N, C-alpha and C. Protein backbone atom coordinates (compact mmCIF):
# COMPACT_ATOMS: atom_id res chain seq x y z
N MET A 1 23.47 6.56 -9.49
CA MET A 1 22.95 5.24 -9.77
C MET A 1 22.58 4.58 -8.45
N SER A 2 21.51 3.85 -8.45
CA SER A 2 21.06 3.20 -7.22
C SER A 2 22.02 2.07 -6.84
N LYS A 3 21.97 1.70 -5.58
CA LYS A 3 22.85 0.64 -5.09
C LYS A 3 22.52 -0.70 -5.73
N ILE A 4 21.24 -0.94 -5.97
CA ILE A 4 20.84 -2.21 -6.57
C ILE A 4 21.35 -2.30 -8.01
N LEU A 5 21.25 -1.21 -8.75
CA LEU A 5 21.74 -1.21 -10.12
C LEU A 5 23.26 -1.34 -10.16
N SER A 6 23.94 -0.67 -9.26
CA SER A 6 25.40 -0.80 -9.17
C SER A 6 25.79 -2.24 -8.84
N ALA A 7 25.09 -2.84 -7.90
CA ALA A 7 25.38 -4.23 -7.54
C ALA A 7 25.11 -5.16 -8.71
N TRP A 8 24.06 -4.88 -9.47
CA TRP A 8 23.73 -5.71 -10.63
C TRP A 8 24.88 -5.69 -11.64
N PHE A 9 25.39 -4.49 -11.97
CA PHE A 9 26.48 -4.40 -12.93
C PHE A 9 27.75 -5.06 -12.39
N ALA A 10 28.01 -4.91 -11.11
CA ALA A 10 29.20 -5.53 -10.52
C ALA A 10 29.11 -7.05 -10.56
N VAL A 11 27.99 -7.59 -10.12
CA VAL A 11 27.83 -9.05 -10.07
C VAL A 11 27.79 -9.64 -11.47
N SER A 12 27.06 -9.01 -12.38
CA SER A 12 26.97 -9.56 -13.74
C SER A 12 28.33 -9.50 -14.44
N SER A 13 29.11 -8.46 -14.19
CA SER A 13 30.44 -8.38 -14.79
C SER A 13 31.36 -9.46 -14.24
N ILE A 14 31.30 -9.69 -12.94
CA ILE A 14 32.12 -10.74 -12.33
C ILE A 14 31.73 -12.10 -12.87
N LEU A 15 30.45 -12.35 -13.00
CA LEU A 15 30.00 -13.64 -13.53
C LEU A 15 30.44 -13.84 -14.98
N LEU A 16 30.34 -12.79 -15.79
CA LEU A 16 30.78 -12.91 -17.17
C LEU A 16 32.28 -13.18 -17.25
N LEU A 17 33.06 -12.50 -16.42
CA LEU A 17 34.51 -12.73 -16.43
C LEU A 17 34.85 -14.12 -15.89
N LEU A 18 34.10 -14.60 -14.92
CA LEU A 18 34.31 -15.95 -14.41
C LEU A 18 34.01 -16.99 -15.49
N LEU A 19 32.90 -16.80 -16.20
CA LEU A 19 32.57 -17.70 -17.29
C LEU A 19 33.61 -17.64 -18.41
N CYS A 20 34.15 -16.46 -18.64
CA CYS A 20 35.21 -16.30 -19.64
C CYS A 20 36.44 -17.10 -19.23
N ALA A 21 36.80 -17.02 -17.96
CA ALA A 21 37.96 -17.78 -17.48
C ALA A 21 37.74 -19.28 -17.61
N ILE A 22 36.55 -19.73 -17.31
CA ILE A 22 36.24 -21.17 -17.44
C ILE A 22 36.23 -21.58 -18.92
N ALA A 23 35.71 -20.70 -19.77
CA ALA A 23 35.59 -21.02 -21.20
C ALA A 23 36.94 -21.12 -21.89
N ILE A 24 37.98 -20.54 -21.31
CA ILE A 24 39.30 -20.61 -21.93
C ILE A 24 39.73 -22.07 -22.12
N SER A 25 39.33 -22.93 -21.20
CA SER A 25 39.70 -24.35 -21.29
C SER A 25 38.95 -25.07 -22.40
N TYR A 26 37.81 -24.56 -22.79
CA TYR A 26 36.96 -25.27 -23.75
C TYR A 26 37.04 -24.70 -25.16
N SER A 27 36.88 -23.39 -25.28
CA SER A 27 36.82 -22.80 -26.60
C SER A 27 37.35 -21.37 -26.57
N ALA A 28 38.28 -21.09 -27.44
CA ALA A 28 38.84 -19.73 -27.49
C ALA A 28 37.80 -18.74 -27.97
N TRP A 29 36.97 -19.15 -28.93
CA TRP A 29 35.95 -18.23 -29.45
C TRP A 29 34.92 -17.89 -28.39
N LEU A 30 34.53 -18.85 -27.61
CA LEU A 30 33.58 -18.60 -26.53
C LEU A 30 34.19 -17.69 -25.48
N ALA A 31 35.46 -17.90 -25.18
CA ALA A 31 36.15 -17.05 -24.21
C ALA A 31 36.23 -15.61 -24.71
N VAL A 32 36.54 -15.44 -25.98
CA VAL A 32 36.60 -14.09 -26.56
C VAL A 32 35.23 -13.43 -26.52
N LEU A 33 34.21 -14.17 -26.89
CA LEU A 33 32.84 -13.64 -26.88
C LEU A 33 32.43 -13.21 -25.47
N LEU A 34 32.69 -14.04 -24.49
CA LEU A 34 32.34 -13.69 -23.11
C LEU A 34 33.17 -12.52 -22.60
N GLY A 35 34.42 -12.43 -23.02
CA GLY A 35 35.25 -11.30 -22.64
C GLY A 35 34.73 -10.00 -23.22
N VAL A 36 34.32 -10.03 -24.47
CA VAL A 36 33.75 -8.84 -25.11
C VAL A 36 32.44 -8.45 -24.43
N LEU A 37 31.62 -9.44 -24.11
CA LEU A 37 30.36 -9.15 -23.40
C LEU A 37 30.62 -8.54 -22.03
N ALA A 38 31.64 -9.03 -21.34
CA ALA A 38 31.97 -8.50 -20.02
C ALA A 38 32.43 -7.04 -20.12
N ILE A 39 33.28 -6.75 -21.09
CA ILE A 39 33.74 -5.38 -21.28
C ILE A 39 32.59 -4.47 -21.67
N ALA A 40 31.70 -4.96 -22.53
CA ALA A 40 30.52 -4.17 -22.91
C ALA A 40 29.61 -3.92 -21.72
N ASN A 41 29.46 -4.90 -20.86
CA ASN A 41 28.63 -4.76 -19.67
C ASN A 41 29.22 -3.72 -18.72
N ILE A 42 30.53 -3.76 -18.54
CA ILE A 42 31.20 -2.77 -17.68
C ILE A 42 31.03 -1.37 -18.28
N GLY A 43 31.24 -1.26 -19.57
CA GLY A 43 31.07 0.03 -20.25
C GLY A 43 29.66 0.55 -20.16
N TRP A 44 28.68 -0.33 -20.32
CA TRP A 44 27.28 0.08 -20.22
C TRP A 44 26.97 0.58 -18.81
N GLY A 45 27.58 -0.01 -17.81
CA GLY A 45 27.40 0.46 -16.44
C GLY A 45 27.89 1.89 -16.27
N PHE A 46 29.05 2.20 -16.88
CA PHE A 46 29.57 3.56 -16.82
C PHE A 46 28.66 4.53 -17.57
N VAL A 47 28.10 4.09 -18.70
CA VAL A 47 27.18 4.94 -19.46
C VAL A 47 25.94 5.26 -18.63
N ILE A 48 25.37 4.25 -18.00
CA ILE A 48 24.17 4.45 -17.17
C ILE A 48 24.49 5.40 -16.02
N LYS A 49 25.65 5.22 -15.40
CA LYS A 49 26.05 6.09 -14.28
C LYS A 49 26.20 7.54 -14.74
N ALA A 50 26.83 7.76 -15.90
CA ALA A 50 27.03 9.11 -16.42
C ALA A 50 25.70 9.77 -16.75
N ARG A 51 24.78 9.01 -17.36
CA ARG A 51 23.46 9.57 -17.68
C ARG A 51 22.71 9.94 -16.41
N HIS A 52 22.79 9.08 -15.41
CA HIS A 52 22.11 9.34 -14.16
C HIS A 52 22.68 10.59 -13.48
N ASN A 53 24.01 10.70 -13.46
CA ASN A 53 24.65 11.86 -12.84
C ASN A 53 24.31 13.15 -13.60
N ARG A 54 24.28 13.08 -14.92
CA ARG A 54 23.96 14.26 -15.72
C ARG A 54 22.51 14.69 -15.50
N ARG A 55 21.62 13.72 -15.39
CA ARG A 55 20.20 14.01 -15.19
C ARG A 55 19.94 14.64 -13.83
N HIS A 56 20.68 14.21 -12.83
CA HIS A 56 20.46 14.71 -11.48
C HIS A 56 21.42 15.83 -11.08
N GLY A 57 22.26 16.27 -12.01
CA GLY A 57 23.13 17.40 -11.76
C GLY A 57 24.32 17.10 -10.89
N ASN A 58 24.67 15.85 -10.70
CA ASN A 58 25.86 15.49 -9.93
C ASN A 58 27.09 15.60 -10.81
N THR A 59 28.18 16.10 -10.26
CA THR A 59 29.41 16.21 -11.03
C THR A 59 30.38 15.09 -10.74
N ALA A 60 30.15 14.32 -9.70
CA ALA A 60 31.08 13.24 -9.34
C ALA A 60 30.45 11.89 -9.55
C-alpha cells in the first residue's frame, strides 16, 4: 500500500475515533455509530493492504 493511502487510513481512523470520543458527551447513538464507522474504516484499510500485497506478490 502506498504511503499516502496508509496515511489516509491512519488519519481518518484517528479523526473518527476522536469524533466518537467527543460524541459520547452528546449522544450515545452517535458515539456508537462513529465507533462502528471507525472500526469499519480500520478493517477496510487492512482489506486494501491485503489485496495490494496479494496483487504484487508480497507475503508481509
